[in-house]
Amino acid sequence: MITLLVHVLLLIIASAAMSLVALMVRKVFSGTPPFLLALVIWVVFVLLASAVTWDVVSKSHRATSNVAQVTAKEGYDKGSFNKELDKNLENANELPLVTLFFGSFQALAGCIVIFIIPVVIAATTMIRPVSSAGGNLLYQLQGEGVADGEASVEVERTDEDRRVDAAHFPAVKTIESFTFRLQPGLNEALVRELARGFYIDERKNVILLGESGTGKTHLAIALGVAACGQGKMVRFYSVGRLAQELLDQVASSSLEKFFATVEKNDLIILDELGYVPVPQEAVPHLLALVSRLQGRCSVILTTHLSLDNWSQAIPDPEQAKVLADTLSKNAEIVSTHSETFRSQPAAKLMNPASEGEPTATA
């Protein structure tokens, strides 16, 4: 009876320990399926314990064999040998460990308990969020069997959340939160087609042209967030901030390394060309970066300047023309309507629920 209680206690301790290990490892390698993770940990655990147990049994077996050889002439039979082996193990206080892994019924029960508990616990971390917008750890679950149709649960961040964070968006916007009715001149069909990400696979660019406040940045971010949801790596820069970054990299002699890092993305978003003139000393590096990105990844650029007026942002007209030609050569150009969101009545923008449409911000 005492031996059985010891076995049960060891099973509980082993299961709890493995469950904690499974969860800690999953925190680091969150993409690992809990079933596979628990299986790997369980196999390693059993192999280590089995190796220790085998060493104990082997030593005891050799000692018992020596006794058997000495007493063989006195009719030392197999039954006596096994009794001597059990006695040696009991004297060494190692029988519970051996029977835990090699006792037929108890070992089977132990394997099931040790394996199932980590799987069940780790599987609870696989609850997928209904929406990943904002990278929140709290999500709303809706479905049958949930009281009042809703329940809040804390879940792990998804790969999509991490890609959104890595993009460094100034805010998280979506296509669904853009109010197309306020921009009747905007090609909604094209925007929604772009949100499917075909242009990224084809390494095409997107240029969003429009006056200030017409939602260019919103659309650029929304396309970036959609790309993150499709497994793409995205990076957002304002043109002014990128220009300063290029100068900093030049000063630290790490420009080439910076270029290589940027090139690893599938989509680069350059926001607000023309609001702040690009310093002349940064222009050659900006042109070099944009040139290198062509054919490697897609670029989304937002600007209030028409293509033939980029010299207002780039001091040298020839360099401005080169930049415009490079980005527009293989690009989808989307023009927003001249009526801005900021010119709309505040009540219309802040409370569109009465009309059944979400609010759009610039």
Protein backbone atom coordinates (compact mmCIF):
# COMPACT_ATOMS: atom_id res chain seq x y z
CA MET A 1 0.00 0.00 0.00
CA ILE A 2 2.83 2.40 0.89
CA THR A 3 4.63 1.54 -2.36
CA LEU A 4 1.47 2.34 -4.36
CA LEU A 5 1.11 5.72 -2.64
CA VAL A 6 4.75 6.47 -3.42
CA HIS A 7 4.11 5.62 -7.06
CA VAL A 8 1.06 7.89 -7.24
CA LEU A 9 2.96 10.73 -5.59
CA LEU A 10 5.82 10.37 -8.05
CA LEU A 11 3.35 10.42 -10.95
CA ILE A 12 1.73 13.63 -9.68
CA ILE A 13 5.07 15.35 -9.12
CA ALA A 14 6.37 14.25 -12.53
CA SER A 15 3.20 15.41 -14.30
CA ALA A 16 3.18 18.79 -12.57
CA ALA A 17 6.85 19.35 -13.31
CA MET A 18 6.46 18.43 -16.96
CA SER A 19 3.41 20.65 -17.32
CA LEU A 20 5.36 23.64 -16.01
CA VAL A 21 8.27 22.84 -18.31
CA ALA A 22 5.91 22.53 -21.29
CA LEU A 23 4.37 25.93 -20.59
CA MET A 24 7.75 27.63 -20.05
CA VAL A 25 9.17 26.17 -23.25
CA ARG A 26 6.02 27.16 -25.12
CA LYS A 27 6.49 30.75 -23.96
CA VAL A 28 9.81 30.75 -25.78
CA PHE A 29 8.78 28.66 -28.78
CA SER A 30 5.18 29.74 -29.08
CA GLY A 31 4.79 28.29 -32.55
CA THR A 32 5.34 24.73 -31.32
CA PRO A 33 2.13 22.67 -31.20
CA PRO A 34 1.40 21.67 -27.57
CA PHE A 35 0.89 18.02 -28.52
CA LEU A 36 4.34 17.78 -30.12
CA LEU A 37 5.93 19.79 -27.33
CA ALA A 38 4.50 17.56 -24.60
CA LEU A 39 5.51 14.45 -26.54
CA VAL A 40 9.12 15.60 -26.90
CA ILE A 41 9.40 16.56 -23.24
CA TRP A 42 7.80 13.28 -22.16
CA VAL A 43 10.15 11.21 -24.32
CA VAL A 44 13.20 13.05 -22.97
CA PHE A 45 11.95 12.63 -19.41
CA VAL A 46 11.31 8.91 -19.82
CA LEU A 47 14.65 8.33 -21.55
CA LEU A 48 16.57 10.07 -18.78
CA ALA A 49 14.67 8.28 -16.03
CA SER A 50 15.00 4.98 -17.88
CA ALA A 51 18.76 5.47 -18.22
CA VAL A 52 19.08 6.06 -14.48
CA THR A 53 16.82 3.13 -13.72
CA TRP A 54 18.69 0.86 -16.10
CA ASP A 55 21.96 1.75 -14.39
CA VAL A 56 20.45 0.92 -10.99
CA VAL A 57 19.03 -2.38 -12.22
CA SER A 58 22.25 -3.33 -13.97
CA LYS A 59 24.35 -2.75 -10.89
CA SER A 60 21.96 -4.70 -8.71
CA HIS A 61 21.69 -7.43 -11.34
CA ARG A 62 25.47 -7.81 -11.47
CA ALA A 63 25.67 -7.99 -7.69
CA THR A 64 22.94 -10.60 -7.60
CA SER A 65 24.60 -12.57 -10.39
CA ASN A 66 27.78 -12.74 -8.36
CA VAL A 67 25.79 -14.14 -5.45
CA ALA A 68 24.13 -16.61 -7.81
CA GLN A 69 27.48 -17.87 -9.09
CA VAL A 70 28.74 -18.45 -5.58
CA THR A 71 25.61 -20.27 -4.46
CA ALA A 72 24.91 -22.09 -7.72
CA LYS A 73 26.19 -25.37 -6.33
CA GLU A 74 23.68 -25.14 -3.50
CA GLY A 75 20.73 -25.19 -5.94
CA TYR A 76 20.36 -21.45 -6.39
CA ASP A 77 17.38 -21.36 -8.81
CA LYS A 78 15.84 -18.57 -10.91
CA GLY A 79 13.19 -17.82 -8.33
CA SER A 80 15.81 -17.32 -5.66
CA PHE A 81 17.80 -15.11 -8.03
CA ASN A 82 14.78 -12.82 -8.63
CA LYS A 83 14.08 -12.65 -4.92
CA GLU A 84 17.68 -11.70 -4.28
CA LEU A 85 17.43 -8.99 -6.99
CA ASP A 86 14.27 -7.56 -5.44
CA LYS A 87 15.87 -7.66 -2.03
CA ASN A 88 18.93 -5.75 -3.25
CA LEU A 89 16.76 -3.09 -4.84
CA GLU A 90 14.59 -2.72 -1.77
CA ASN A 91 17.66 -2.38 0.44
CA ALA A 92 18.87 0.43 -1.83
CA ASN A 93 15.44 2.14 -1.67
CA GLU A 94 15.24 2.07 -5.48
CA LEU A 95 12.35 -0.30 -6.10
CA PRO A 96 9.67 2.43 -6.46
CA LEU A 97 11.68 4.13 -9.23
CA VAL A 98 12.15 0.87 -11.10
CA THR A 99 8.54 -0.25 -10.86
CA LEU A 100 7.36 3.23 -11.84
CA PHE A 101 8.81 2.75 -15.34
CA PHE A 102 9.00 -1.03 -15.69
CA GLY A 103 5.99 -2.32 -13.76
CA SER A 104 3.52 -3.22 -16.52
CA PHE A 105 0.23 -1.72 -15.33
CA GLN A 106 1.71 1.08 -13.23
CA ALA A 107 4.11 2.11 -15.99
CA LEU A 108 1.26 2.29 -18.52
CA ALA A 109 -0.84 4.40 -16.16
CA GLY A 110 2.16 6.61 -15.45
CA CYS A 111 2.82 7.17 -19.14
CA ILE A 112 -0.80 8.16 -19.76
CA VAL A 113 -0.96 10.58 -16.83
CA ILE A 114 2.44 12.13 -17.52
CA PHE A 115 1.60 12.57 -21.20
CA ILE A 116 -2.01 13.77 -21.03
CA ILE A 117 -1.70 16.48 -18.39
CA PRO A 118 0.94 18.58 -20.24
CA VAL A 119 -1.03 18.20 -23.48
CA VAL A 120 -4.26 19.46 -21.89
CA ILE A 121 -2.57 22.37 -20.14
CA ALA A 122 -0.44 23.39 -23.10
CA ALA A 123 -3.43 23.06 -25.46
CA THR A 124 -5.26 25.77 -23.53
CA THR A 125 -2.70 28.25 -24.85
CA MET A 126 -3.80 27.58 -28.43
CA ILE A 127 -7.05 29.59 -28.19
CA ARG A 128 -7.00 31.84 -31.20
CA PRO A 129 -8.17 35.43 -30.91
CA VAL A 130 -11.19 36.57 -32.86
CA SER A 131 -9.33 39.77 -33.76
CA SER A 132 -5.64 40.57 -33.51
CA ALA A 133 -6.01 44.33 -33.94
CA GLY A 134 -4.03 46.27 -31.38
CA GLY A 135 -1.96 43.32 -30.17
CA ASN A 136 -4.10 42.99 -27.01
CA LEU A 137 -3.74 40.01 -24.69
CA LEU A 138 -7.45 40.11 -23.95
CA TYR A 139 -9.81 38.97 -26.65
CA GLN A 140 -13.50 38.41 -26.94
CA LEU A 141 -14.70 34.89 -27.68
CA GLN A 142 -18.16 34.42 -29.13
CA GLY A 143 -19.90 31.15 -29.85
CA GLU A 144 -22.32 28.50 -28.68
CA GLY A 145 -22.00 27.27 -25.14
CA VAL A 146 -20.56 30.59 -23.88
CA ALA A 147 -22.67 32.43 -21.36
CA ASP A 148 -24.40 35.44 -22.95
CA GLY A 149 -22.49 34.66 -26.16
CA GLU A 150 -19.31 36.39 -24.91
CA ALA A 151 -16.34 35.67 -22.64
CA SER A 152 -13.00 37.39 -22.12
CA VAL A 153 -9.92 35.19 -21.84
CA GLU A 154 -6.20 35.89 -21.70
CA VAL A 155 -4.33 34.19 -24.53
CA GLU A 156 -0.83 34.22 -25.90
CA ARG A 157 0.15 36.69 -28.55
CA THR A 158 -0.09 35.27 -32.03
CA ASP A 159 2.49 35.37 -34.79
CA GLU A 160 0.37 38.02 -36.50
CA ASP A 161 0.48 40.20 -33.37
CA ARG A 162 4.26 39.98 -33.32
CA ARG A 163 4.50 40.92 -37.00
CA VAL A 164 2.24 43.93 -36.37
CA ASP A 165 4.46 45.00 -33.46
CA ALA A 166 7.63 44.51 -35.53
CA ALA A 167 6.19 46.78 -38.25
CA HIS A 168 6.21 49.77 -35.85
CA PHE A 169 2.92 51.19 -37.08
CA PRO A 170 2.06 54.50 -35.38
CA ALA A 171 -1.42 53.03 -34.86
CA VAL A 172 -3.26 49.92 -35.99
CA LYS A 173 -5.78 50.55 -38.77
CA THR A 174 -7.81 48.14 -40.87
CA ILE A 175 -9.66 48.26 -44.17
CA GLU A 176 -12.90 47.59 -42.30
CA SER A 177 -12.43 50.73 -40.17
CA PHE A 178 -12.07 52.95 -43.25
CA THR A 179 -15.30 54.76 -44.19
CA PHE A 180 -15.30 54.60 -47.97
CA ARG A 181 -18.55 56.57 -48.23
CA LEU A 182 -16.64 59.68 -47.15
CA GLN A 183 -14.31 59.27 -50.13
CA PRO A 184 -16.60 58.56 -53.10
CA GLY A 185 -13.76 59.21 -55.55
CA LEU A 186 -11.60 56.44 -54.09
CA ASN A 187 -11.41 53.16 -55.99
CA GLU A 188 -12.71 50.90 -53.23
CA ALA A 189 -12.56 47.77 -55.38
CA LEU A 190 -8.86 48.33 -56.05
CA VAL A 191 -8.10 48.96 -52.39
CA ARG A 192 -9.86 45.77 -51.34
CA GLU A 193 -8.04 43.87 -54.06
CA LEU A 194 -4.74 45.26 -52.82
CA ALA A 195 -5.64 44.10 -49.30
CA ARG A 196 -5.49 40.53 -50.63
CA GLY A 197 -1.74 41.04 -51.07
CA PHE A 198 -1.25 40.10 -54.72
CA TYR A 199 1.01 43.11 -55.28
CA ILE A 200 3.46 41.84 -52.65
CA ASP A 201 3.78 38.45 -54.36
CA GLU A 202 4.41 40.28 -57.64
CA ARG A 203 6.88 42.72 -55.99
CA LYS A 204 4.77 45.67 -57.15
CA ASN A 205 4.61 49.04 -55.42
CA VAL A 206 1.62 51.10 -54.32
CA ILE A 207 1.56 54.91 -54.38
CA LEU A 208 -1.24 56.61 -52.43
CA LEU A 209 -1.79 60.14 -53.73
CA GLY A 210 -4.10 62.63 -52.08
CA GLU A 211 -4.49 65.78 -50.08
CA SER A 212 -3.75 65.87 -46.38
CA GLY A 213 -6.46 64.21 -44.33
CA THR A 214 -7.87 61.99 -47.09
CA GLY A 215 -6.87 58.76 -45.36
CA LYS A 216 -3.64 57.87 -47.16
CA THR A 217 -1.82 56.86 -43.98
CA HIS A 218 -4.87 54.94 -42.78
CA LEU A 219 -4.98 52.95 -46.01
CA ALA A 220 -1.22 52.36 -46.00
CA ILE A 221 -1.31 51.01 -42.46
CA ALA A 222 -4.42 48.95 -43.22
CA LEU A 223 -2.68 47.33 -46.19
CA GLY A 224 0.33 46.69 -43.96
CA VAL A 225 -1.80 45.09 -41.24
CA ALA A 226 -3.51 42.92 -43.87
CA ALA A 227 -0.07 41.83 -45.10
CA CYS A 228 0.92 40.90 -41.53
CA GLY A 229 -2.17 38.72 -41.37
CA GLN A 230 -0.99 36.98 -44.54
CA GLY A 231 2.35 36.08 -42.95
CA LYS A 232 4.35 38.94 -44.52
CA MET A 233 7.05 40.93 -42.77
CA VAL A 234 6.29 44.65 -42.86
CA ARG A 235 8.17 47.78 -41.75
CA PHE A 236 6.68 51.27 -41.47
CA TYR A 237 8.77 54.45 -41.75
CA SER A 238 7.89 58.09 -42.12
CA VAL A 239 10.08 59.47 -44.91
CA GLY A 240 11.56 62.10 -42.58
CA ARG A 241 12.41 59.51 -39.93
CA LEU A 242 13.93 57.17 -42.52
CA ALA A 243 16.10 59.98 -43.87
CA GLN A 244 17.47 60.63 -40.39
CA GLU A 245 17.99 56.91 -39.86
CA LEU A 246 20.01 56.72 -43.06
CA LEU A 247 22.24 59.59 -41.91
CA ASP A 248 22.73 57.92 -38.52
CA GLN A 249 23.72 54.66 -40.20
CA VAL A 250 26.20 56.47 -42.43
CA ALA A 251 27.74 58.13 -39.38
CA SER A 252 28.16 54.76 -37.69
CA SER A 253 29.48 53.07 -40.86
CA SER A 254 26.66 50.52 -40.77
CA LEU A 255 24.60 51.61 -43.77
CA GLU A 256 25.10 48.34 -45.64
CA LYS A 257 23.96 46.34 -42.62
CA PHE A 258 20.87 48.55 -42.35
CA PHE A 259 20.07 48.00 -46.03
CA ALA A 260 20.34 44.23 -45.53
CA THR A 261 17.97 44.40 -42.56
CA VAL A 262 15.38 46.42 -44.47
CA GLU A 263 15.57 44.06 -47.44
CA LYS A 264 14.45 41.14 -45.29
CA ASN A 265 10.93 42.57 -45.19
CA ASP A 266 8.23 41.76 -47.72
CA LEU A 267 6.70 45.24 -47.58
CA ILE A 268 8.14 48.65 -46.73
CA ILE A 269 5.77 51.56 -46.06
CA LEU A 270 7.13 55.08 -46.60
CA ASP A 271 4.71 57.64 -45.23
CA GLU A 272 4.32 61.37 -45.87
CA LEU A 273 6.75 62.18 -48.66
CA GLY A 274 6.76 65.96 -49.05
CA TYR A 275 5.63 67.12 -45.63
CA VAL A 276 9.24 67.50 -44.53
CA PRO A 277 11.93 68.02 -47.21
CA VAL A 278 14.49 65.23 -47.30
CA PRO A 279 17.96 66.54 -46.37
CA GLN A 280 20.14 66.67 -49.47
CA GLU A 281 22.86 64.56 -47.84
CA ALA A 282 20.31 61.78 -47.22
CA VAL A 283 18.86 61.73 -50.76
CA PRO A 284 21.55 59.54 -52.39
CA HIS A 285 21.14 56.93 -49.64
CA LEU A 286 17.35 57.04 -49.94
CA LEU A 287 17.62 56.51 -53.71
CA ALA A 288 20.08 53.66 -53.16
CA LEU A 289 17.74 51.96 -50.70
CA VAL A 290 14.67 52.33 -52.91
CA SER A 291 16.62 51.02 -55.89
CA ARG A 292 17.78 47.97 -53.94
CA LEU A 293 14.27 47.21 -52.77
CA GLN A 294 12.92 46.95 -56.31
CA GLY A 295 12.40 43.29 -57.16
CA ARG A 296 13.12 42.27 -53.57
CA CYS A 297 10.07 43.60 -51.79
CA SER A 298 7.13 45.94 -52.31
CA VAL A 299 6.96 49.59 -51.30
CA ILE A 300 3.88 51.59 -50.31
CA LEU A 301 4.44 55.35 -50.44
CA THR A 302 1.99 58.04 -49.38
CA THR A 303 2.30 61.64 -50.57
CA HIS A 304 0.22 64.72 -51.24
CA LEU A 305 2.47 65.58 -54.19
CA SER A 306 1.79 64.53 -57.75
CA LEU A 307 4.61 62.56 -59.38
CA ASP A 308 5.91 65.59 -61.29
CA ASN A 309 6.10 67.69 -58.12
CA TRP A 310 8.35 65.47 -56.00
CA SER A 311 11.07 68.09 -56.35
CA GLN A 312 9.26 69.87 -53.51
CA ALA A 313 10.40 67.02 -51.27
CA ILE A 314 13.71 66.17 -52.95
CA PRO A 315 16.01 69.21 -53.34
CA ASP A 316 17.58 68.00 -56.60
CA PRO A 317 14.95 67.83 -59.43
CA GLU A 318 16.88 65.08 -61.23
CA GLN A 319 17.04 62.94 -58.11
CA ALA A 320 13.35 63.61 -57.49
CA LYS A 321 12.56 62.37 -61.00
CA VAL A 322 14.69 59.25 -60.48
CA LEU A 323 12.83 58.45 -57.26
CA ALA A 324 9.43 58.99 -58.88
CA ASP A 325 10.35 56.89 -61.91
CA THR A 326 11.77 54.08 -59.78
CA LEU A 327 8.72 53.77 -57.53
CA SER A 328 6.05 54.32 -60.17
CA LYS A 329 7.55 52.08 -62.86
CA ASN A 330 5.84 48.99 -61.45
CA ALA A 331 3.18 50.45 -59.19
CA GLU A 332 -0.54 50.61 -58.52
CA ILE A 333 -1.44 54.27 -58.06
CA VAL A 334 -4.41 54.99 -55.80
CA SER A 335 -5.81 58.53 -55.65
CA THR A 336 -7.97 59.65 -52.76
CA HIS A 337 -10.81 62.14 -53.14
CA SER A 338 -10.16 65.82 -52.53
CA GLU A 339 -12.77 66.05 -49.74
CA THR A 340 -10.94 65.30 -46.50
CA PHE A 341 -12.13 63.42 -43.44
CA ARG A 342 -11.11 66.40 -41.32
CA SER A 343 -13.58 68.62 -43.18
CA GLN A 344 -16.47 66.35 -42.22
CA PRO A 345 -18.76 67.40 -39.34
CA ALA A 346 -17.43 66.00 -36.06
CA ALA A 347 -20.73 64.32 -35.22
CA LYS A 348 -20.73 62.53 -38.58
CA LEU A 349 -17.23 61.17 -38.00
CA MET A 350 -17.53 60.37 -34.31
CA ASN A 351 -20.93 58.69 -34.42
CA PRO A 352 -21.40 56.83 -37.71
CA ALA A 353 -23.01 53.90 -35.88
CA SER A 354 -26.42 55.31 -36.61
CA GLU A 355 -25.73 54.71 -40.27
CA GLY A 356 -24.22 51.29 -39.63
CA GLU A 357 -20.70 52.19 -40.77
CA PRO A 358 -17.37 52.36 -38.88
CA THR A 359 -15.44 55.56 -38.32
CA ALA A 360 -12.56 56.45 -40.64
CA THR A 361 -9.59 58.49 -39.55
CA ALA A 362 -6.90 60.06 -41.62
